[in-house]
Amino acid sequence: MSEKTKARPFGIRDKVGYMFGDFGNDFTFLLSSVYLMKFYTDVMGIAPYIVGILMTVARFIDAITDVTMGQICDRSRPTAKGKFVPWLRRMCGPVAVASFLMYAFWLENMSMTFKVVWMFATYILWGSVFYTSINIPYGSMASAISAEAKDRQELSSWRTIGATLASTVIGVVLPLIVYYTDAAGNSVLSGSRMGFAALGCSIGAVICYLICYKMTTERVKIEQETEKFNLLALLKYLLTNRALIGIIVAAIMLLLAQLSLSSMAQYIYPNYFRSSAAISASNLGTSVLTIALAAVMPPLVQKFGKKELSIFGALLGAAALIVGYILHTDNVVLFVVINLIAFLGIAFFNVSCWAMITDVIDDAEVRTGKRADGTIYATYSFARKLGQAASSGLTGGLLSLIGYSAATQFDQNVVDGIYNITCIVPAGGFILLALALIFIYPLSKKRVDANIAALKAKREQ
């Protein structure tokens, strides 16, 4: 099904290049996850539940576009540069332009109907079409860069570093730029500043994608899928893959926890604690912890296993947020510490999850003899978007339920509700993540090692 091509040895150039790919991805993905709801509720005046509906509708579209892009990747003919990496150069421009258009602050005085239609059109164009067409090939190419498990774990760690660098820009730097203090001393999001920040992130995304394109090399030649497309066979292949189902459920729960924390930070710090600067402090600490964990994760994985460490992280995050909910503290420093412990729990899964999906691909090949990197990664990517939708839909609905609007955003009962949402929703996501890994996902360290040995023996024949 695949074979190694003659190329320069795997090394730091590939790891740094692959890092820049997720740096580029998260310039637009995290920007949307963290700021889009805040922008449309506070600047454009759209109700939170409508933004939540948008996220849900988009996921139904993604069910088609993600799997379609996975099939396109698997069925495409390899080029001299490879099978997956050329898509980065093809689609980096469209995804950047579509992302910028989502933050069209110059339309804030248009009718509500126009603004809602614009929001739906630009978000679907960005996320369901252009982001999909670059993210699926990018994620799939990890298994083509190297066939070695150690190399793939390093790629996963470096990918997490790239995402963390983007998170630092978006979570640490941007709050200092896009918020201003009004006459009453409240931290308020500026529409124009948000728009120009989005433009800067789009330019940064293009640069990062092109660096990834230039620096990475596909060494494992993955043959073109030539069998006639059979939807029923594909569904059977996916639905009978317990490892894939396990990682899908885990990804949905992880994103529910992570993105709820990230998006609610734009409400709890400016509205409850009256400090937008605390967003930057919290995100800076998160970035430092994640990069530190990424540096030590490969030897930890070799000793304990990816699944096992991810379960520990999920339980750690849940415990921190439950304590935070019980305390209901007014001390912003204490809450930042609680938030950092929760994000450390997230990092245990995030640092390894990209290597875990290659484990799923390997496991499918061992069981069925068939390798479908693009299709499996596309299914996993769709699951992550479901987690994004679950987070946005649930938090948007709950914000509407507590009566949040631009007019009520600093009322005491509303800000108390914001605090409760910030703790309860991600804590529930953490608990469900741990349960999914324990009871559904079967790829323990012992089984992963056995699969790697079986595939190595197969390719050496």
Protein backbone atom coordinates (compact mmCIF):
# COMPACT_ATOMS: atom_id res chain seq x y z
CA MET A 1 0.00 0.00 0.00
CA SER A 2 2.91 2.33 0.65
CA GLU A 3 6.68 2.45 0.34
CA LYS A 4 9.52 4.71 1.38
CA THR A 5 10.96 7.03 -1.23
CA LYS A 6 14.60 8.12 -1.36
CA ALA A 7 14.87 11.51 0.35
CA ARG A 8 16.95 13.34 2.92
CA PRO A 9 16.69 11.81 6.41
CA PHE A 10 13.89 12.92 8.72
CA GLY A 11 15.10 15.70 10.97
CA ILE A 12 14.62 19.10 12.57
CA ARG A 13 13.70 20.73 9.25
CA ASP A 14 10.60 18.53 8.97
CA LYS A 15 9.61 19.10 12.58
CA VAL A 16 9.92 22.87 12.38
CA GLY A 17 8.20 22.93 9.00
CA TYR A 18 5.32 20.81 10.27
CA MET A 19 5.05 23.09 13.29
CA PHE A 20 4.46 26.08 10.98
CA GLY A 21 1.56 24.23 9.36
CA ASP A 22 -0.47 24.22 12.58
CA PHE A 23 0.74 27.74 13.35
CA GLY A 24 -0.98 28.73 10.10
CA ASN A 25 -4.06 26.60 10.79
CA ASP A 26 -4.66 28.13 14.20
CA PHE A 27 -4.17 31.70 13.04
CA THR A 28 -7.69 31.35 11.62
CA PHE A 29 -9.14 28.39 13.58
CA LEU A 30 -8.37 29.74 17.06
CA LEU A 31 -9.32 33.24 16.00
CA SER A 32 -12.76 31.89 15.11
CA SER A 33 -13.04 29.68 18.19
CA VAL A 34 -12.07 32.42 20.61
CA TYR A 35 -13.41 35.67 19.13
CA LEU A 36 -16.16 34.96 16.60
CA MET A 37 -19.03 34.65 19.08
CA LYS A 38 -17.79 37.65 21.07
CA PHE A 39 -17.49 39.70 17.86
CA TYR A 40 -20.97 38.87 16.61
CA THR A 41 -22.68 39.28 20.01
CA ASP A 42 -20.95 42.47 21.14
CA VAL A 43 -20.09 44.25 17.88
CA MET A 44 -22.72 43.04 15.41
CA GLY A 45 -25.49 42.68 18.00
CA ILE A 46 -26.49 39.11 17.04
CA ALA A 47 -27.98 36.90 19.77
CA PRO A 48 -25.61 34.18 21.10
CA TYR A 49 -28.03 31.35 20.27
CA ILE A 50 -28.02 32.36 16.58
CA VAL A 51 -24.21 32.05 16.52
CA GLY A 52 -24.64 28.63 18.13
CA ILE A 53 -27.11 27.64 15.41
CA LEU A 54 -24.56 28.69 12.79
CA MET A 55 -21.95 26.37 14.30
CA THR A 56 -24.41 23.47 14.31
CA VAL A 57 -25.57 24.01 10.72
CA ALA A 58 -21.97 24.25 9.52
CA ARG A 59 -21.17 20.86 11.05
CA PHE A 60 -23.85 19.16 8.95
CA ILE A 61 -22.16 20.66 5.88
CA ASP A 62 -18.77 19.51 7.19
CA ALA A 63 -20.07 15.94 7.31
CA ILE A 64 -20.02 16.10 3.51
CA THR A 65 -17.04 18.37 2.79
CA ASP A 66 -14.59 16.77 5.25
CA VAL A 67 -15.11 13.21 4.03
CA THR A 68 -15.15 14.43 0.43
CA MET A 69 -11.78 16.12 0.92
CA GLY A 70 -10.44 12.95 2.53
CA GLN A 71 -11.51 10.96 -0.51
CA ILE A 72 -9.93 13.55 -2.82
CA CYS A 73 -6.65 13.18 -0.93
CA ASP A 74 -6.69 9.38 -1.03
CA ARG A 75 -7.62 9.30 -4.71
CA SER A 76 -5.28 12.05 -5.91
CA ARG A 77 -2.17 11.16 -7.89
CA PRO A 78 1.11 11.89 -6.07
CA THR A 79 3.18 14.76 -7.49
CA ALA A 80 6.92 15.28 -7.34
CA LYS A 81 6.39 17.23 -4.11
CA GLY A 82 4.12 14.56 -2.65
CA LYS A 83 0.46 13.72 -2.29
CA PHE A 84 -0.67 16.01 0.51
CA VAL A 85 1.69 18.97 0.86
CA PRO A 86 0.81 20.64 -2.51
CA TRP A 87 -2.63 21.51 -1.10
CA LEU A 88 -1.03 23.96 1.32
CA ARG A 89 0.15 26.17 -1.52
CA ARG A 90 -3.09 25.78 -3.47
CA MET A 91 -5.47 26.78 -0.67
CA CYS A 92 -3.57 29.11 1.67
CA GLY A 93 -4.84 32.25 -0.10
CA PRO A 94 -8.57 31.38 -0.17
CA VAL A 95 -8.67 30.31 3.50
CA ALA A 96 -6.95 33.53 4.59
CA VAL A 97 -9.32 35.80 2.63
CA ALA A 98 -12.43 33.99 3.86
CA SER A 99 -11.24 34.26 7.47
CA PHE A 100 -10.74 38.02 7.20
CA LEU A 101 -14.21 38.52 5.73
CA MET A 102 -15.85 36.95 8.79
CA TYR A 103 -14.90 40.04 10.83
CA ALA A 104 -16.49 42.65 8.54
CA PHE A 105 -16.88 45.37 11.18
CA TRP A 106 -17.77 47.90 8.47
CA LEU A 107 -21.14 46.14 8.13
CA GLU A 108 -22.24 46.64 11.76
CA ASN A 109 -24.89 49.23 10.78
CA MET A 110 -26.52 46.99 8.17
CA SER A 111 -29.85 45.28 8.85
CA MET A 112 -29.91 42.30 11.21
CA THR A 113 -31.00 39.99 8.37
CA PHE A 114 -28.03 41.07 6.24
CA LYS A 115 -25.57 40.56 9.11
CA VAL A 116 -26.89 37.08 9.91
CA VAL A 117 -26.72 36.05 6.23
CA TRP A 118 -23.18 37.46 5.96
CA MET A 119 -22.14 35.59 9.11
CA PHE A 120 -23.52 32.28 7.80
CA ALA A 121 -22.05 32.70 4.29
CA THR A 122 -18.53 33.72 5.31
CA TYR A 123 -18.22 31.19 8.14
CA ILE A 124 -19.32 28.27 5.96
CA LEU A 125 -17.07 29.40 3.11
CA TRP A 126 -14.11 29.61 5.49
CA GLY A 127 -14.66 26.54 7.68
CA SER A 128 -16.57 24.03 5.56
CA VAL A 129 -14.84 24.71 2.24
CA PHE A 130 -11.43 26.38 2.35
CA TYR A 131 -10.20 25.41 5.84
CA THR A 132 -11.24 21.81 5.17
CA SER A 133 -9.35 21.77 1.88
CA ILE A 134 -6.09 22.69 3.60
CA ASN A 135 -6.47 21.07 7.03
CA ILE A 136 -7.29 17.54 5.83
CA PRO A 137 -4.18 17.23 3.62
CA TYR A 138 -2.03 18.87 6.30
CA GLY A 139 -3.11 16.42 8.97
CA SER A 140 -2.83 13.43 6.64
CA MET A 141 0.74 14.20 5.60
CA ALA A 142 2.20 13.26 9.02
CA SER A 143 2.09 9.58 8.11
CA ALA A 144 3.75 10.38 4.77
CA ILE A 145 6.60 12.37 6.32
CA SER A 146 7.81 9.33 8.26
CA ALA A 147 6.71 5.77 8.95
CA GLU A 148 8.49 5.66 12.32
CA ALA A 149 6.37 5.95 15.49
CA LYS A 150 9.01 8.02 17.30
CA ASP A 151 9.12 10.53 14.43
CA ARG A 152 5.34 10.81 14.37
CA GLN A 153 5.19 11.53 18.12
CA GLU A 154 7.77 14.26 17.59
CA LEU A 155 5.70 15.68 14.73
CA SER A 156 2.66 15.67 17.02
CA SER A 157 4.63 17.50 19.72
CA TRP A 158 5.96 20.07 17.27
CA ARG A 159 2.48 20.52 15.81
CA THR A 160 1.26 21.31 19.32
CA ILE A 161 4.07 23.83 19.69
CA GLY A 162 2.88 25.51 16.48
CA ALA A 163 -0.68 25.65 17.77
CA THR A 164 0.61 27.05 21.06
CA LEU A 165 2.55 29.80 19.30
CA ALA A 166 -0.62 30.77 17.43
CA SER A 167 -2.52 30.63 20.71
CA THR A 168 0.06 32.98 22.21
CA VAL A 169 -0.49 35.52 19.45
CA ILE A 170 -4.27 35.23 19.57
CA GLY A 171 -4.71 34.72 23.29
CA VAL A 172 -1.93 36.88 24.72
CA VAL A 173 -1.25 39.67 22.23
CA LEU A 174 -4.69 40.23 20.67
CA PRO A 175 -6.59 40.95 23.92
CA LEU A 176 -4.21 43.85 24.53
CA ILE A 177 -5.09 45.20 21.07
CA VAL A 178 -8.76 44.48 20.40
CA TYR A 179 -10.19 45.56 23.76
CA TYR A 180 -10.52 49.12 25.04
CA THR A 181 -11.78 50.62 28.31
CA ASP A 182 -15.00 52.62 28.04
CA ALA A 183 -16.05 55.62 30.14
CA ALA A 184 -17.51 53.34 32.81
CA GLY A 185 -14.24 51.41 33.15
CA ASN A 186 -15.50 48.31 31.37
CA SER A 187 -13.39 46.25 28.93
CA VAL A 188 -15.14 46.38 25.55
CA LEU A 189 -14.30 44.64 22.25
CA SER A 190 -13.56 47.06 19.38
CA GLY A 191 -14.98 46.01 16.02
CA SER A 192 -12.44 47.88 13.91
CA ARG A 193 -9.48 46.63 15.93
CA MET A 194 -10.85 43.10 15.64
CA GLY A 195 -11.10 43.43 11.86
CA PHE A 196 -7.52 44.63 11.46
CA ALA A 197 -6.29 41.93 13.84
CA ALA A 198 -8.06 39.35 11.64
CA LEU A 199 -6.26 40.79 8.59
CA GLY A 200 -2.91 40.39 10.34
CA CYS A 201 -3.74 36.80 11.30
CA SER A 202 -4.70 35.99 7.70
CA ILE A 203 -1.37 37.30 6.41
CA GLY A 204 0.45 35.32 9.10
CA ALA A 205 -1.44 32.17 8.11
CA VAL A 206 -0.33 32.42 4.46
CA ILE A 207 3.31 32.90 5.48
CA CYS A 208 3.20 29.90 7.83
CA TYR A 209 1.57 27.60 5.26
CA LEU A 210 4.22 28.45 2.67
CA ILE A 211 7.02 27.76 5.17
CA CYS A 212 5.46 24.37 5.91
CA TYR A 213 5.20 23.66 2.18
CA LYS A 214 8.87 24.51 1.65
CA MET A 215 10.40 22.70 4.65
CA THR A 216 8.56 19.36 4.86
CA THR A 217 9.26 16.24 2.79
CA GLU A 218 6.94 13.29 2.15
CA ARG A 219 9.09 10.14 2.39
CA VAL A 220 6.43 7.44 2.47
CA LYS A 221 4.82 7.07 -0.93
CA ILE A 222 1.12 6.40 -0.34
CA GLU A 223 -0.43 4.97 -3.43
CA GLN A 224 -3.45 6.47 -5.16
CA GLU A 225 -6.76 4.85 -4.18
CA THR A 226 -8.25 3.52 -7.41
CA GLU A 227 -11.15 1.37 -6.22
CA LYS A 228 -14.59 2.60 -7.26
CA PHE A 229 -16.16 4.69 -4.53
CA ASN A 230 -18.66 2.70 -2.47
CA LEU A 231 -20.48 4.69 0.21
CA LEU A 232 -21.81 1.66 2.06
CA ALA A 233 -18.39 0.03 2.14
CA LEU A 234 -16.84 3.27 3.39
CA LEU A 235 -19.42 3.62 6.16
CA LYS A 236 -18.89 0.00 7.21
CA TYR A 237 -15.12 0.54 7.23
CA LEU A 238 -15.50 3.60 9.46
CA LEU A 239 -18.27 2.35 11.76
CA THR A 240 -16.53 -0.95 12.53
CA ASN A 241 -13.30 0.80 13.51
CA ARG A 242 -13.48 0.93 17.31
CA ALA A 243 -10.24 2.88 17.60
CA LEU A 244 -11.56 5.55 15.23
CA ILE A 245 -14.88 5.76 17.08
CA GLY A 246 -13.00 6.09 20.38
CA ILE A 247 -10.74 8.88 19.17
CA ILE A 248 -13.75 10.65 17.60
CA VAL A 249 -15.71 10.66 20.86
CA ALA A 250 -12.58 11.73 22.74
CA ALA A 251 -11.94 14.58 20.28
CA ILE A 252 -15.50 15.87 20.59
CA MET A 253 -15.24 15.93 24.37
CA LEU A 254 -11.76 17.47 24.30
CA LEU A 255 -12.89 20.29 22.03
CA LEU A 256 -15.97 20.81 24.18
CA ALA A 257 -13.69 21.37 27.17
CA GLN A 258 -10.95 23.32 25.41
CA LEU A 259 -13.02 25.68 23.30
CA SER A 260 -15.55 26.32 26.06
CA LEU A 261 -12.68 27.47 28.25
CA SER A 262 -11.15 29.55 25.45
CA SER A 263 -14.36 31.22 24.29
CA MET A 264 -15.69 31.83 27.80
CA ALA A 265 -12.40 33.53 28.71
CA GLN A 266 -13.60 36.40 26.50
CA TYR A 267 -16.58 36.77 28.84
CA ILE A 268 -15.39 35.80 32.33
CA TYR A 269 -12.29 38.01 32.45
CA PRO A 270 -13.72 41.24 30.93
CA ASN A 271 -17.21 40.82 32.40
CA TYR A 272 -16.89 38.94 35.71
CA PHE A 273 -13.37 39.98 36.76
CA ARG A 274 -13.43 43.32 34.82
CA SER A 275 -9.93 42.62 33.46
CA SER A 276 -9.20 41.94 29.80
CA ALA A 277 -5.49 41.95 30.68
CA ALA A 278 -6.09 38.73 32.65
CA ILE A 279 -6.89 37.01 29.34
CA SER A 280 -3.33 37.68 28.18
CA ALA A 281 -1.81 36.57 31.49
CA SER A 282 -3.81 33.33 31.51
CA ASN A 283 -3.04 32.51 27.88
CA LEU A 284 0.67 33.28 28.32
CA GLY A 285 0.83 30.84 31.21
CA THR A 286 -1.05 28.25 29.15
CA SER A 287 1.41 28.63 26.26
CA VAL A 288 4.44 28.21 28.53
CA LEU A 289 2.98 25.09 30.18
CA THR A 290 2.02 23.52 26.85
CA ILE A 291 5.43 24.07 25.26
CA ALA A 292 7.16 22.70 28.38
CA LEU A 293 4.95 19.61 28.31
CA ALA A 294 5.53 19.13 24.56
CA ALA A 295 9.28 19.10 25.20
CA VAL A 296 9.08 16.24 27.72
CA MET A 297 6.15 14.34 26.21
CA PRO A 298 8.05 11.94 23.85
CA PRO A 299 9.93 10.14 26.67
CA LEU A 300 6.77 10.15 28.84
CA VAL A 301 4.81 8.56 25.98
CA GLN A 302 7.48 5.89 25.49
CA LYS A 303 7.24 5.01 29.20
CA PHE A 304 3.50 5.36 29.94
CA GLY A 305 1.64 5.55 26.61
CA LYS A 306 -0.47 8.20 24.88
CA LYS A 307 -3.86 6.90 26.00
CA GLU A 308 -2.75 6.52 29.59
CA LEU A 309 -1.33 10.06 29.86
CA SER A 310 -4.40 11.56 28.19
CA ILE A 311 -6.71 9.94 30.77
CA PHE A 312 -4.58 11.42 33.57
CA GLY A 313 -4.79 14.87 31.97
CA ALA A 314 -8.56 14.71 31.57
CA LEU A 315 -9.07 13.82 35.24
CA LEU A 316 -6.68 16.59 36.29
CA GLY A 317 -8.58 19.19 34.27
CA ALA A 318 -11.97 18.07 35.61
CA ALA A 319 -10.75 18.22 39.22
CA ALA A 320 -9.39 21.77 38.79
CA LEU A 321 -12.64 23.14 37.36
CA ILE A 322 -14.83 21.41 39.94
CA VAL A 323 -12.75 23.07 42.66
CA GLY A 324 -13.13 26.39 40.84
CA TYR A 325 -16.91 25.98 40.67
CA ILE A 326 -17.16 25.19 44.40
CA LEU A 327 -14.97 28.17 45.37
CA HIS A 328 -16.76 30.67 43.05
CA THR A 329 -13.84 32.98 43.68
CA ASP A 330 -13.60 36.73 43.08
CA ASN A 331 -9.80 36.50 43.09
CA VAL A 332 -8.65 36.71 39.48
CA VAL A 333 -5.16 35.37 40.29
CA LEU A 334 -6.60 32.24 41.90
CA PHE A 335 -8.91 31.69 38.94
CA VAL A 336 -6.01 32.06 36.50
CA VAL A 337 -4.17 29.32 38.43
CA ILE A 338 -7.24 27.05 38.25
CA ASN A 339 -7.52 27.78 34.53
CA LEU A 340 -3.84 26.93 33.98
CA ILE A 341 -4.22 23.55 35.70
CA ALA A 342 -7.25 22.83 33.52
CA PHE A 343 -5.34 23.71 30.36
CA LEU A 344 -2.43 21.54 31.48
CA GLY A 345 -4.94 18.68 31.55
CA ILE A 346 -5.93 19.55 27.97
CA ALA A 347 -2.29 19.61 26.90
CA PHE A 348 -1.73 15.96 27.84
CA PHE A 349 -4.20 14.95 25.13
CA ASN A 350 -3.41 17.72 22.64
CA VAL A 351 0.31 17.02 22.53
CA SER A 352 -0.28 13.37 21.57
CA CYS A 353 -3.60 13.38 19.70
CA TRP A 354 -2.04 13.83 16.24
CA ALA A 355 0.19 10.82 16.84
CA MET A 356 -2.85 8.94 18.17
CA ILE A 357 -4.68 9.37 14.85
CA THR A 358 -1.69 7.84 13.03
CA ASP A 359 -1.97 4.97 15.52
CA VAL A 360 -5.61 4.58 14.44
CA ILE A 361 -4.55 4.54 10.76
CA ASP A 362 -1.91 1.90 11.52
CA ASP A 363 -4.40 -0.18 13.49
CA ALA A 364 -6.84 -0.16 10.58
CA GLU A 365 -4.10 -1.33 8.22
CA VAL A 366 -3.14 -4.17 10.56
CA ARG A 367 -6.76 -5.32 10.88
CA THR A 368 -7.97 -4.86 7.29
CA GLY A 369 -4.86 -4.57 5.13
CA LYS A 370 -6.21 -1.28 3.82
CA ARG A 371 -4.69 2.14 4.47
CA ALA A 372 -6.86 5.26 4.16
CA ASP A 373 -4.91 8.14 5.67
CA GLY A 374 -6.97 10.94 4.15
CA THR A 375 -10.38 9.41 4.86
CA ILE A 376 -9.61 8.51 8.48
CA TYR A 377 -8.03 11.88 9.18
CA ALA A 378 -10.98 13.64 7.53
CA THR A 379 -13.40 11.74 9.76
CA TYR A 380 -11.34 12.72 12.80
CA SER A 381 -11.22 16.34 11.64
CA PHE A 382 -14.99 16.35 11.28
CA ALA A 383 -15.26 15.05 14.85
CA ARG A 384 -13.13 17.95 16.08
CA LYS A 385 -15.49 20.33 14.32
CA LEU A 386 -18.40 18.61 16.06
CA GLY A 387 -16.64 19.40 19.32
CA GLN A 388 -16.32 23.01 18.21
CA ALA A 389 -20.03 23.10 17.37
CA ALA A 390 -20.96 21.46 20.67
CA SER A 391 -18.92 24.05 22.53
CA SER A 392 -20.29 27.03 20.60
CA GLY A 393 -23.86 25.75 20.54
CA LEU A 394 -23.93 24.91 24.24
CA THR A 395 -22.18 28.05 25.46
CA GLY A 396 -24.20 30.23 23.08
CA GLY A 397 -27.46 28.71 24.28
CA LEU A 398 -26.45 29.02 27.93
CA LEU A 399 -25.38 32.64 27.47
CA SER A 400 -28.80 33.38 26.01
CA LEU A 401 -30.43 31.45 28.87
CA ILE A 402 -28.76 33.61 31.53
CA GLY A 403 -29.88 36.71 29.64
CA TYR A 404 -26.54 37.83 28.19
CA SER A 405 -26.62 40.68 25.67
CA ALA A 406 -24.59 43.80 24.92
CA ALA A 407 -26.94 45.68 27.27
CA THR A 408 -26.85 43.21 30.20
CA GLN A 409 -23.27 41.95 29.97
CA PHE A 410 -22.19 43.51 33.29
CA ASP A 411 -25.31 42.71 35.35
CA GLN A 412 -24.48 40.73 38.50
CA ASN A 413 -26.77 37.77 37.80
CA VAL A 414 -25.40 37.55 34.25
CA VAL A 415 -21.73 37.60 35.27
CA ASP A 416 -22.39 34.97 37.96
CA GLY A 417 -23.95 32.83 35.24
CA ILE A 418 -20.86 33.37 33.08
CA TYR A 419 -18.66 32.07 35.92
CA ASN A 420 -20.78 28.94 36.34
CA ILE A 421 -20.77 28.17 32.59
CA THR A 422 -16.98 28.61 32.45
CA CYS A 423 -16.51 25.90 35.10
CA ILE A 424 -19.36 23.44 34.50
CA VAL A 425 -19.28 22.97 30.70
CA PRO A 426 -15.55 22.19 30.30
CA ALA A 427 -15.52 20.06 33.49
CA GLY A 428 -18.24 17.90 31.96
CA GLY A 429 -16.21 17.66 28.75
CA PHE A 430 -13.15 16.49 30.70
CA ILE A 431 -15.09 13.77 32.52
CA LEU A 432 -16.62 12.46 29.29
CA LEU A 433 -13.18 12.56 27.61
CA ALA A 434 -11.72 10.33 30.32
CA LEU A 435 -14.64 7.89 30.04
CA ALA A 436 -14.30 7.70 26.24
CA LEU A 437 -10.59 6.89 26.48
CA ILE A 438 -11.11 4.31 29.22
CA PHE A 439 -14.10 2.43 27.81
CA ILE A 440 -14.08 2.97 24.02
CA TYR A 441 -10.58 3.77 22.71
CA PRO A 442 -8.67 0.44 22.62
CA LEU A 443 -5.15 1.51 21.63
CA SER A 444 -3.14 1.07 24.80
CA LYS A 445 0.63 1.38 24.72
CA LYS A 446 0.95 -2.42 24.43
CA ARG A 447 -1.33 -2.62 21.38
CA VAL A 448 0.26 0.37 19.64
CA ASP A 449 3.72 -1.17 20.04
CA ALA A 450 2.44 -4.48 18.63
CA ASN A 451 0.91 -2.75 15.59
CA ILE A 452 4.10 -0.86 14.86
CA ALA A 453 6.14 -4.06 15.00
CA ALA A 454 3.67 -5.86 12.69
CA LEU A 455 3.74 -3.10 10.07
CA LYS A 456 7.52 -2.82 10.22
CA ALA A 457 7.86 -6.55 9.60
CA LYS A 458 5.36 -6.30 6.72
CA ARG A 459 7.27 -3.50 4.97
CA GLU A 460 10.63 -5.22 5.38
CA GLN A 461 9.41 -8.33 3.54
